[in-house]
Amino acid sequence: MDLVVNHTSDEHEWFRRSRGGDAEYEDYYYWREGDDGPPNNW
């Protein structure tokens, strides 16, 4: 089977709960503040 585990869809339950502030999933993805734009130049 082909498997993608570097990333998921933004519609995955993990991401939905992470963006919603669920403490259990808060750090499942890379989140950063950025008052002046993206956190880095990648």
ModelCIF file with pLDDT and N, C-alpha, C, O atoms, coordinates in Angstrom:
data_MODEL
#
_entry.id   MODEL 
#
_entity.id                         1 
_entity.type                       polymer 
_entity.pdbx_number_of_molecules   1 
#
_entity_poly.entity_id                      1 
_entity_poly.type                           'polypeptide(L)' 
_entity_poly.nstd_linkage                   no 
_entity_poly.nstd_monomer                   no 
_entity_poly.pdbx_seq_one_letter_code       MDLVVNHTSDEHEWFRRSRGGDAEYEDYYYWREGDDGPPNNW 
_entity_poly.pdbx_seq_one_letter_code_can   MDLVVNHTSDEHEWFRRSRGGDAEYEDYYYWREGDDGPPNNW 
_entity_poly.pdbx_strand_id                 A 
#
loop_
_entity_poly_seq.entity_id 
_entity_poly_seq.num 
_entity_poly_seq.mon_id 
_entity_poly_seq.hetero 
1 1  MET n 
1 2  ASP n 
1 3  LEU n 
1 4  VAL n 
1 5  VAL n 
1 6  ASN n 
1 7  HIS n 
1 8  THR n 
1 9  SER n 
1 10 ASP n 
1 11 GLU n 
1 12 HIS n 
1 13 GLU n 
1 14 TRP n 
1 15 PHE n 
1 16 ARG n 
1 17 ARG n 
1 18 SER n 
1 19 ARG n 
1 20 GLY n 
1 21 GLY n 
1 22 ASP n 
1 23 ALA n 
1 24 GLU n 
1 25 TYR n 
1 26 GLU n 
1 27 ASP n 
1 28 TYR n 
1 29 TYR n 
1 30 TYR n 
1 31 TRP n 
1 32 ARG n 
1 33 GLU n 
1 34 GLY n 
1 35 ASP n 
1 36 ASP n 
1 37 GLY n 
1 38 PRO n 
1 39 PRO n 
1 40 ASN n 
1 41 ASN n 
1 42 TRP n 
#
_struct_asym.id          A 
_struct_asym.entity_id   1 
#
loop_
_ma_qa_metric.id 
_ma_qa_metric.mode 
_ma_qa_metric.name 
_ma_qa_metric.software_group_id 
_ma_qa_metric.type 
1 global pLDDT . pLDDT 
2 local  pLDDT . pLDDT 
#
_ma_qa_metric_global.metric_id      1 
_ma_qa_metric_global.metric_value   96.07 
_ma_qa_metric_global.model_id       1 
_ma_qa_metric_global.ordinal_id     1 
#
loop_
_ma_qa_metric_local.label_asym_id 
_ma_qa_metric_local.label_comp_id 
_ma_qa_metric_local.label_seq_id 
_ma_qa_metric_local.metric_id 
_ma_qa_metric_local.metric_value 
_ma_qa_metric_local.model_id 
_ma_qa_metric_local.ordinal_id 
A MET 1  2 98.00 1 1  
A ASP 2  2 97.00 1 2  
A LEU 3  2 97.00 1 3  
A VAL 4  2 98.00 1 4  
A VAL 5  2 98.00 1 5  
A ASN 6  2 98.00 1 6  
A HIS 7  2 98.00 1 7  
A THR 8  2 98.00 1 8  
A SER 9  2 98.00 1 9  
A ASP 10 2 98.00 1 10 
A GLU 11 2 98.00 1 11 
A HIS 12 2 98.00 1 12 
A GLU 13 2 98.00 1 13 
A TRP 14 2 98.00 1 14 
A PHE 15 2 98.00 1 15 
A ARG 16 2 98.00 1 16 
A ARG 17 2 98.00 1 17 
A SER 18 2 98.00 1 18 
A ARG 19 2 97.00 1 19 
A GLY 20 2 96.00 1 20 
A GLY 21 2 92.00 1 21 
A ASP 22 2 96.00 1 22 
A ALA 23 2 95.00 1 23 
A GLU 24 2 96.00 1 24 
A TYR 25 2 97.00 1 25 
A GLU 26 2 95.00 1 26 
A ASP 27 2 97.00 1 27 
A TYR 28 2 98.00 1 28 
A TYR 29 2 98.00 1 29 
A TYR 30 2 98.00 1 30 
A TRP 31 2 97.00 1 31 
A ARG 32 2 96.00 1 32 
A GLU 33 2 93.00 1 33 
A GLY 34 2 86.00 1 34 
A ASP 35 2 84.00 1 35 
A ASP 36 2 87.00 1 36 
A GLY 37 2 92.00 1 37 
A PRO 38 2 96.00 1 38 
A PRO 39 2 96.00 1 39 
A ASN 40 2 96.00 1 40 
A ASN 41 2 97.00 1 41 
A TRP 42 2 98.00 1 42 
#
loop_
_atom_site.group_PDB 
_atom_site.id 
_atom_site.type_symbol 
_atom_site.label_atom_id 
_atom_site.label_alt_id 
_atom_site.label_comp_id 
_atom_site.label_asym_id 
_atom_site.label_entity_id 
_atom_site.label_seq_id 
_atom_site.pdbx_PDB_ins_code 
_atom_site.Cartn_x 
_atom_site.Cartn_y 
_atom_site.Cartn_z 
_atom_site.occupancy 
_atom_site.B_iso_or_equiv 
_atom_site.pdbx_formal_charge 
_atom_site.auth_seq_id 
_atom_site.auth_comp_id 
_atom_site.auth_asym_id 
_atom_site.auth_atom_id 
_atom_site.pdbx_PDB_model_num 
ATOM 1   N N  . MET A 1 1  ? 0.835   -1.201 0.000  1.00 98.00 ? 1  MET A N  1 
ATOM 2   C CA . MET A 1 1  ? 0.000   0.000  0.000  1.00 98.00 ? 1  MET A CA 1 
ATOM 3   C C  . MET A 1 1  ? 0.871   1.252  0.000  1.00 98.00 ? 1  MET A C  1 
ATOM 4   O O  . MET A 1 1  ? 1.911   1.306  0.656  1.00 98.00 ? 1  MET A O  1 
ATOM 5   N N  . ASP A 1 2  ? 0.429   2.239  -0.737 1.00 97.00 ? 2  ASP A N  1 
ATOM 6   C CA . ASP A 1 2  ? 1.077   3.550  -0.732 1.00 97.00 ? 2  ASP A CA 1 
ATOM 7   C C  . ASP A 1 2  ? 0.614   4.301  0.512  1.00 97.00 ? 2  ASP A C  1 
ATOM 8   O O  . ASP A 1 2  ? -0.580  4.348  0.808  1.00 97.00 ? 2  ASP A O  1 
ATOM 9   N N  . LEU A 1 3  ? 1.553   4.880  1.228  1.00 97.00 ? 3  LEU A N  1 
ATOM 10  C CA . LEU A 1 3  ? 1.225   5.522  2.495  1.00 97.00 ? 3  LEU A CA 1 
ATOM 11  C C  . LEU A 1 3  ? 1.914   6.874  2.598  1.00 97.00 ? 3  LEU A C  1 
ATOM 12  O O  . LEU A 1 3  ? 3.089   7.009  2.255  1.00 97.00 ? 3  LEU A O  1 
ATOM 13  N N  . VAL A 1 4  ? 1.183   7.868  3.069  1.00 98.00 ? 4  VAL A N  1 
ATOM 14  C CA . VAL A 1 4  ? 1.705   9.219  3.232  1.00 98.00 ? 4  VAL A CA 1 
ATOM 15  C C  . VAL A 1 4  ? 1.601   9.588  4.706  1.00 98.00 ? 4  VAL A C  1 
ATOM 16  O O  . VAL A 1 4  ? 0.503   9.786  5.227  1.00 98.00 ? 4  VAL A O  1 
ATOM 17  N N  . VAL A 1 5  ? 2.748   9.678  5.376  1.00 98.00 ? 5  VAL A N  1 
ATOM 18  C CA . VAL A 1 5  ? 2.726   10.014 6.803  1.00 98.00 ? 5  VAL A CA 1 
ATOM 19  C C  . VAL A 1 5  ? 3.603   11.220 7.125  1.00 98.00 ? 5  VAL A C  1 
ATOM 20  O O  . VAL A 1 5  ? 3.771   11.556 8.298  1.00 98.00 ? 5  VAL A O  1 
ATOM 21  N N  . ASN A 1 6  ? 4.163   11.876 6.118  1.00 98.00 ? 6  ASN A N  1 
ATOM 22  C CA . ASN A 1 6  ? 4.797   13.172 6.366  1.00 98.00 ? 6  ASN A CA 1 
ATOM 23  C C  . ASN A 1 6  ? 3.723   14.219 6.613  1.00 98.00 ? 6  ASN A C  1 
ATOM 24  O O  . ASN A 1 6  ? 3.923   15.165 7.374  1.00 98.00 ? 6  ASN A O  1 
ATOM 25  N N  . HIS A 1 7  ? 2.585   14.039 5.963  1.00 98.00 ? 7  HIS A N  1 
ATOM 26  C CA . HIS A 1 7  ? 1.494   14.995 6.084  1.00 98.00 ? 7  HIS A CA 1 
ATOM 27  C C  . HIS A 1 7  ? 0.157   14.267 5.973  1.00 98.00 ? 7  HIS A C  1 
ATOM 28  O O  . HIS A 1 7  ? 0.106   13.108 5.561  1.00 98.00 ? 7  HIS A O  1 
ATOM 29  N N  . THR A 1 8  ? -0.916  14.948 6.340  1.00 98.00 ? 8  THR A N  1 
ATOM 30  C CA . THR A 1 8  ? -2.266  14.435 6.161  1.00 98.00 ? 8  THR A CA 1 
ATOM 31  C C  . THR A 1 8  ? -3.039  15.441 5.319  1.00 98.00 ? 8  THR A C  1 
ATOM 32  O O  . THR A 1 8  ? -2.481  16.430 4.842  1.00 98.00 ? 8  THR A O  1 
ATOM 33  N N  . SER A 1 9  ? -4.314  15.181 5.144  1.00 98.00 ? 9  SER A N  1 
ATOM 34  C CA . SER A 1 9  ? -5.224  16.197 4.615  1.00 98.00 ? 9  SER A CA 1 
ATOM 35  C C  . SER A 1 9  ? -5.596  17.167 5.731  1.00 98.00 ? 9  SER A C  1 
ATOM 36  O O  . SER A 1 9  ? -5.570  16.807 6.908  1.00 98.00 ? 9  SER A O  1 
ATOM 37  N N  . ASP A 1 10 ? -5.940  18.392 5.359  1.00 98.00 ? 10 ASP A N  1 
ATOM 38  C CA . ASP A 1 10 ? -6.450  19.331 6.364  1.00 98.00 ? 10 ASP A CA 1 
ATOM 39  C C  . ASP A 1 10 ? -7.865  18.960 6.804  1.00 98.00 ? 10 ASP A C  1 
ATOM 40  O O  . ASP A 1 10 ? -8.434  19.591 7.695  1.00 98.00 ? 10 ASP A O  1 
ATOM 41  N N  . GLU A 1 11 ? -8.427  17.928 6.169  1.00 98.00 ? 11 GLU A N  1 
ATOM 42  C CA . GLU A 1 11 ? -9.743  17.436 6.567  1.00 98.00 ? 11 GLU A CA 1 
ATOM 43  C C  . GLU A 1 11 ? -9.644  16.210 7.476  1.00 98.00 ? 11 GLU A C  1 
ATOM 44  O O  . GLU A 1 11 ? -10.665 15.650 7.875  1.00 98.00 ? 11 GLU A O  1 
ATOM 45  N N  . HIS A 1 12 ? -8.419  15.794 7.803  1.00 98.00 ? 12 HIS A N  1 
ATOM 46  C CA . HIS A 1 12 ? -8.240  14.693 8.751  1.00 98.00 ? 12 HIS A CA 1 
ATOM 47  C C  . HIS A 1 12 ? -8.711  15.147 10.133 1.00 98.00 ? 12 HIS A C  1 
ATOM 48  O O  . HIS A 1 12 ? -8.564  16.313 10.500 1.00 98.00 ? 12 HIS A O  1 
ATOM 49  N N  . GLU A 1 13 ? -9.277  14.212 10.888 1.00 98.00 ? 13 GLU A N  1 
ATOM 50  C CA . GLU A 1 13 ? -9.759  14.543 12.231 1.00 98.00 ? 13 GLU A CA 1 
ATOM 51  C C  . GLU A 1 13 ? -8.651  15.140 13.087 1.00 98.00 ? 13 GLU A C  1 
ATOM 52  O O  . GLU A 1 13 ? -8.910  16.052 13.872 1.00 98.00 ? 13 GLU A O  1 
ATOM 53  N N  . TRP A 1 14 ? -7.420  14.646 12.953 1.00 98.00 ? 14 TRP A N  1 
ATOM 54  C CA . TRP A 1 14 ? -6.320  15.180 13.759 1.00 98.00 ? 14 TRP A CA 1 
ATOM 55  C C  . TRP A 1 14 ? -6.148  16.676 13.518 1.00 98.00 ? 14 TRP A C  1 
ATOM 56  O O  . TRP A 1 14 ? -5.981  17.448 14.462 1.00 98.00 ? 14 TRP A O  1 
ATOM 57  N N  . PHE A 1 15 ? -6.188  17.083 12.244 1.00 98.00 ? 15 PHE A N  1 
ATOM 58  C CA . PHE A 1 15 ? -5.977  18.498 11.935 1.00 98.00 ? 15 PHE A CA 1 
ATOM 59  C C  . PHE A 1 15 ? -7.173  19.334 12.374 1.00 98.00 ? 15 PHE A C  1 
ATOM 60  O O  . PHE A 1 15 ? -7.000  20.438 12.888 1.00 98.00 ? 15 PHE A O  1 
ATOM 61  N N  . ARG A 1 16 ? -8.371  18.825 12.178 1.00 98.00 ? 16 ARG A N  1 
ATOM 62  C CA . ARG A 1 16 ? -9.558  19.572 12.588 1.00 98.00 ? 16 ARG A CA 1 
ATOM 63  C C  . ARG A 1 16 ? -9.523  19.839 14.093 1.00 98.00 ? 16 ARG A C  1 
ATOM 64  O O  . ARG A 1 16 ? -9.858  20.933 14.547 1.00 98.00 ? 16 ARG A O  1 
ATOM 65  N N  . ARG A 1 17 ? -9.114  18.824 14.861 1.00 98.00 ? 17 ARG A N  1 
ATOM 66  C CA . ARG A 1 17 ? -9.058  19.002 16.306 1.00 98.00 ? 17 ARG A CA 1 
ATOM 67  C C  . ARG A 1 17 ? -7.875  19.883 16.713 1.00 98.00 ? 17 ARG A C  1 
ATOM 68  O O  . ARG A 1 17 ? -7.947  20.619 17.697 1.00 98.00 ? 17 ARG A O  1 
ATOM 69  N N  . SER A 1 18 ? -6.794  19.800 15.950 1.00 98.00 ? 18 SER A N  1 
ATOM 70  C CA . SER A 1 18 ? -5.621  20.621 16.246 1.00 98.00 ? 18 SER A CA 1 
ATOM 71  C C  . SER A 1 18 ? -5.915  22.100 15.999 1.00 98.00 ? 18 SER A C  1 
ATOM 72  O O  . SER A 1 18 ? -5.587  22.948 16.828 1.00 98.00 ? 18 SER A O  1 
ATOM 73  N N  . ARG A 1 19 ? -6.527  22.404 14.869 1.00 97.00 ? 19 ARG A N  1 
ATOM 74  C CA . ARG A 1 19 ? -6.842  23.812 14.571 1.00 97.00 ? 19 ARG A CA 1 
ATOM 75  C C  . ARG A 1 19 ? -7.920  24.338 15.516 1.00 97.00 ? 19 ARG A C  1 
ATOM 76  O O  . ARG A 1 19 ? -8.013  25.544 15.744 1.00 97.00 ? 19 ARG A O  1 
ATOM 77  N N  . GLY A 1 20 ? -8.735  23.434 16.066 1.00 96.00 ? 20 GLY A N  1 
ATOM 78  C CA . GLY A 1 20 ? -9.803  23.851 16.968 1.00 96.00 ? 20 GLY A CA 1 
ATOM 79  C C  . GLY A 1 20 ? -9.352  24.057 18.403 1.00 96.00 ? 20 GLY A C  1 
ATOM 80  O O  . GLY A 1 20 ? -10.149 24.436 19.261 1.00 96.00 ? 20 GLY A O  1 
ATOM 81  N N  . GLY A 1 21 ? -8.062  23.805 18.669 1.00 92.00 ? 21 GLY A N  1 
ATOM 82  C CA . GLY A 1 21 ? -7.537  24.058 20.000 1.00 92.00 ? 21 GLY A CA 1 
ATOM 83  C C  . GLY A 1 21 ? -7.658  22.899 20.959 1.00 92.00 ? 21 GLY A C  1 
ATOM 84  O O  . GLY A 1 21 ? -7.440  23.076 22.158 1.00 92.00 ? 21 GLY A O  1 
ATOM 85  N N  . ASP A 1 22 ? -7.998  21.715 20.476 1.00 96.00 ? 22 ASP A N  1 
ATOM 86  C CA . ASP A 1 22 ? -8.074  20.532 21.336 1.00 96.00 ? 22 ASP A CA 1 
ATOM 87  C C  . ASP A 1 22 ? -6.680  20.266 21.906 1.00 96.00 ? 22 ASP A C  1 
ATOM 88  O O  . ASP A 1 22 ? -5.735  20.041 21.151 1.00 96.00 ? 22 ASP A O  1 
ATOM 89  N N  . ALA A 1 23 ? -6.549  20.290 23.235 1.00 95.00 ? 23 ALA A N  1 
ATOM 90  C CA . ALA A 1 23 ? -5.231  20.181 23.870 1.00 95.00 ? 23 ALA A CA 1 
ATOM 91  C C  . ALA A 1 23 ? -4.525  18.882 23.500 1.00 95.00 ? 23 ALA A C  1 
ATOM 92  O O  . ALA A 1 23 ? -3.300  18.858 23.384 1.00 95.00 ? 23 ALA A O  1 
ATOM 93  N N  . GLU A 1 24 ? -5.284  17.796 23.312 1.00 96.00 ? 24 GLU A N  1 
ATOM 94  C CA . GLU A 1 24 ? -4.678  16.502 22.985 1.00 96.00 ? 24 GLU A CA 1 
ATOM 95  C C  . GLU A 1 24 ? -3.996  16.520 21.626 1.00 96.00 ? 24 GLU A C  1 
ATOM 96  O O  . GLU A 1 24 ? -3.028  15.793 21.404 1.00 96.00 ? 24 GLU A O  1 
ATOM 97  N N  . TYR A 1 25 ? -4.499  17.352 20.715 1.00 97.00 ? 25 TYR A N  1 
ATOM 98  C CA . TYR A 1 25 ? -3.995  17.374 19.333 1.00 97.00 ? 25 TYR A CA 1 
ATOM 99  C C  . TYR A 1 25 ? -3.253  18.668 18.979 1.00 97.00 ? 25 TYR A C  1 
ATOM 100 O O  . TYR A 1 25 ? -2.887  18.881 17.823 1.00 97.00 ? 25 TYR A O  1 
ATOM 101 N N  . GLU A 1 26 ? -3.039  19.508 19.955 1.00 95.00 ? 26 GLU A N  1 
ATOM 102 C CA . GLU A 1 26 ? -2.476  20.834 19.700 1.00 95.00 ? 26 GLU A CA 1 
ATOM 103 C C  . GLU A 1 26 ? -1.146  20.774 18.960 1.00 95.00 ? 26 GLU A C  1 
ATOM 104 O O  . GLU A 1 26 ? -0.883  21.592 18.079 1.00 95.00 ? 26 GLU A O  1 
ATOM 105 N N  . ASP A 1 27 ? -0.307  19.802 19.320 1.00 97.00 ? 27 ASP A N  1 
ATOM 106 C CA . ASP A 1 27 ? 1.032   19.720 18.729 1.00 97.00 ? 27 ASP A CA 1 
ATOM 107 C C  . ASP A 1 27 ? 1.163   18.582 17.725 1.00 97.00 ? 27 ASP A C  1 
ATOM 108 O O  . ASP A 1 27 ? 2.264   18.075 17.516 1.00 97.00 ? 27 ASP A O  1 
ATOM 109 N N  . TYR A 1 28 ? 0.074   18.176 17.105 1.00 98.00 ? 28 TYR A N  1 
ATOM 110 C CA . TYR A 1 28 ? 0.140   17.141 16.064 1.00 98.00 ? 28 TYR A CA 1 
ATOM 111 C C  . TYR A 1 28 ? 0.717   17.701 14.763 1.00 98.00 ? 28 TYR A C  1 
ATOM 112 O O  . TYR A 1 28 ? 1.170   16.945 13.904 1.00 98.00 ? 28 TYR A O  1 
ATOM 113 N N  . TYR A 1 29 ? 0.698   19.021 14.622 1.00 98.00 ? 29 TYR A N  1 
ATOM 114 C CA . TYR A 1 29 ? 1.176   19.689 13.402 1.00 98.00 ? 29 TYR A CA 1 
ATOM 115 C C  . TYR A 1 29 ? 2.086   20.841 13.811 1.00 98.00 ? 29 TYR A C  1 
ATOM 116 O O  . TYR A 1 29 ? 2.219   21.148 14.996 1.00 98.00 ? 29 TYR A O  1 
ATOM 117 N N  . TYR A 1 30 ? 2.706   21.473 12.827 1.00 98.00 ? 30 TYR A N  1 
ATOM 118 C CA . TYR A 1 30 ? 3.591   22.606 13.083 1.00 98.00 ? 30 TYR A CA 1 
ATOM 119 C C  . TYR A 1 30 ? 2.785   23.903 13.011 1.00 98.00 ? 30 TYR A C  1 
ATOM 120 O O  . TYR A 1 30 ? 2.402   24.337 11.925 1.00 98.00 ? 30 TYR A O  1 
ATOM 121 N N  . TRP A 1 31 ? 2.533   24.508 14.144 1.00 97.00 ? 31 TRP A N  1 
ATOM 122 C CA . TRP A 1 31 ? 1.829   25.783 14.233 1.00 97.00 ? 31 TRP A CA 1 
ATOM 123 C C  . TRP A 1 31 ? 2.788   26.854 14.734 1.00 97.00 ? 31 TRP A C  1 
ATOM 124 O O  . TRP A 1 31 ? 3.569   26.615 15.655 1.00 97.00 ? 31 TRP A O  1 
ATOM 125 N N  . ARG A 1 32 ? 2.727   28.024 14.130 1.00 96.00 ? 32 ARG A N  1 
ATOM 126 C CA . ARG A 1 32 ? 3.566   29.133 14.554 1.00 96.00 ? 32 ARG A CA 1 
ATOM 127 C C  . ARG A 1 32 ? 2.799   30.454 14.410 1.00 96.00 ? 32 ARG A C  1 
ATOM 128 O O  . ARG A 1 32 ? 1.987   30.632 13.502 1.00 96.00 ? 32 ARG A O  1 
ATOM 129 N N  . GLU A 1 33 ? 3.084   31.362 15.330 1.00 93.00 ? 33 GLU A N  1 
ATOM 130 C CA . GLU A 1 33 ? 2.560   32.719 15.187 1.00 93.00 ? 33 GLU A CA 1 
ATOM 131 C C  . GLU A 1 33 ? 3.332   33.435 14.089 1.00 93.00 ? 33 GLU A C  1 
ATOM 132 O O  . GLU A 1 33 ? 4.450   33.046 13.752 1.00 93.00 ? 33 GLU A O  1 
ATOM 133 N N  . GLY A 1 34 ? 2.739   34.470 13.540 1.00 86.00 ? 34 GLY A N  1 
ATOM 134 C CA . GLY A 1 34 ? 3.409   35.218 12.482 1.00 86.00 ? 34 GLY A CA 1 
ATOM 135 C C  . GLY A 1 34 ? 2.740   36.554 12.247 1.00 86.00 ? 34 GLY A C  1 
ATOM 136 O O  . GLY A 1 34 ? 2.009   36.729 11.273 1.00 86.00 ? 34 GLY A O  1 
ATOM 137 N N  . ASP A 1 35 ? 2.989   37.490 13.135 1.00 84.00 ? 35 ASP A N  1 
ATOM 138 C CA . ASP A 1 35 ? 2.340   38.800 13.036 1.00 84.00 ? 35 ASP A CA 1 
ATOM 139 C C  . ASP A 1 35 ? 2.737   39.537 11.765 1.00 84.00 ? 35 ASP A C  1 
ATOM 140 O O  . ASP A 1 35 ? 1.959   40.317 11.216 1.00 84.00 ? 35 ASP A O  1 
ATOM 141 N N  . ASP A 1 36 ? 3.962   39.279 11.303 1.00 87.00 ? 36 ASP A N  1 
ATOM 142 C CA . ASP A 1 36 ? 4.456   39.997 10.123 1.00 87.00 ? 36 ASP A CA 1 
ATOM 143 C C  . ASP A 1 36 ? 4.506   39.114 8.878  1.00 87.00 ? 36 ASP A C  1 
ATOM 144 O O  . ASP A 1 36 ? 5.185   39.444 7.906  1.00 87.00 ? 36 ASP A O  1 
ATOM 145 N N  . GLY A 1 37 ? 3.794   38.004 8.911  1.00 92.00 ? 37 GLY A N  1 
ATOM 146 C CA . GLY A 1 37 ? 3.805   37.100 7.768  1.00 92.00 ? 37 GLY A CA 1 
ATOM 147 C C  . GLY A 1 37 ? 4.281   35.716 8.170  1.00 92.00 ? 37 GLY A C  1 
ATOM 148 O O  . GLY A 1 37 ? 4.386   35.428 9.362  1.00 92.00 ? 37 GLY A O  1 
ATOM 149 N N  . PRO A 1 38 ? 4.573   34.846 7.196  1.00 96.00 ? 38 PRO A N  1 
ATOM 150 C CA . PRO A 1 38 ? 4.983   33.464 7.489  1.00 96.00 ? 38 PRO A CA 1 
ATOM 151 C C  . PRO A 1 38 ? 6.170   33.406 8.439  1.00 96.00 ? 38 PRO A C  1 
ATOM 152 O O  . PRO A 1 38 ? 7.025   34.292 8.409  1.00 96.00 ? 38 PRO A O  1 
ATOM 153 N N  . PRO A 1 39 ? 6.238   32.378 9.284  1.00 96.00 ? 39 PRO A N  1 
ATOM 154 C CA . PRO A 1 39 ? 7.299   32.273 10.303 1.00 96.00 ? 39 PRO A CA 1 
ATOM 155 C C  . PRO A 1 39 ? 8.704   32.129 9.740  1.00 96.00 ? 39 PRO A C  1 
ATOM 156 O O  . PRO A 1 39 ? 9.664   32.492 10.419 1.00 96.00 ? 39 PRO A O  1 
ATOM 157 N N  . ASN A 1 40 ? 8.860   31.618 8.537  1.00 96.00 ? 40 ASN A N  1 
ATOM 158 C CA . ASN A 1 40 ? 10.183  31.570 7.895  1.00 96.00 ? 40 ASN A CA 1 
ATOM 159 C C  . ASN A 1 40 ? 10.005  31.649 6.381  1.00 96.00 ? 40 ASN A C  1 
ATOM 160 O O  . ASN A 1 40 ? 8.893   31.828 5.884  1.00 96.00 ? 40 ASN A O  1 
ATOM 161 N N  . ASN A 1 41 ? 11.113  31.513 5.658  1.00 97.00 ? 41 ASN A N  1 
ATOM 162 C CA . ASN A 1 41 ? 11.065  31.725 4.207  1.00 97.00 ? 41 ASN A CA 1 
ATOM 163 C C  . ASN A 1 41 ? 10.972  30.436 3.401  1.00 97.00 ? 41 ASN A C  1 
ATOM 164 O O  . ASN A 1 41 ? 11.260  30.441 2.204  1.00 97.00 ? 41 ASN A O  1 
ATOM 165 N N  . TRP A 1 42 ? 10.576  29.331 4.033  1.00 98.00 ? 42 TRP A N  1 
ATOM 166 C CA . TRP A 1 42 ? 10.541  28.057 3.324  1.00 98.00 ? 42 TRP A CA 1 
ATOM 167 C C  . TRP A 1 42 ? 9.508   28.067 2.200  1.00 98.00 ? 42 TRP A C  1 
ATOM 168 O O  . TRP A 1 42 ? 9.349   27.067 1.500  1.00 98.00 ? 42 TRP A O  1 
#
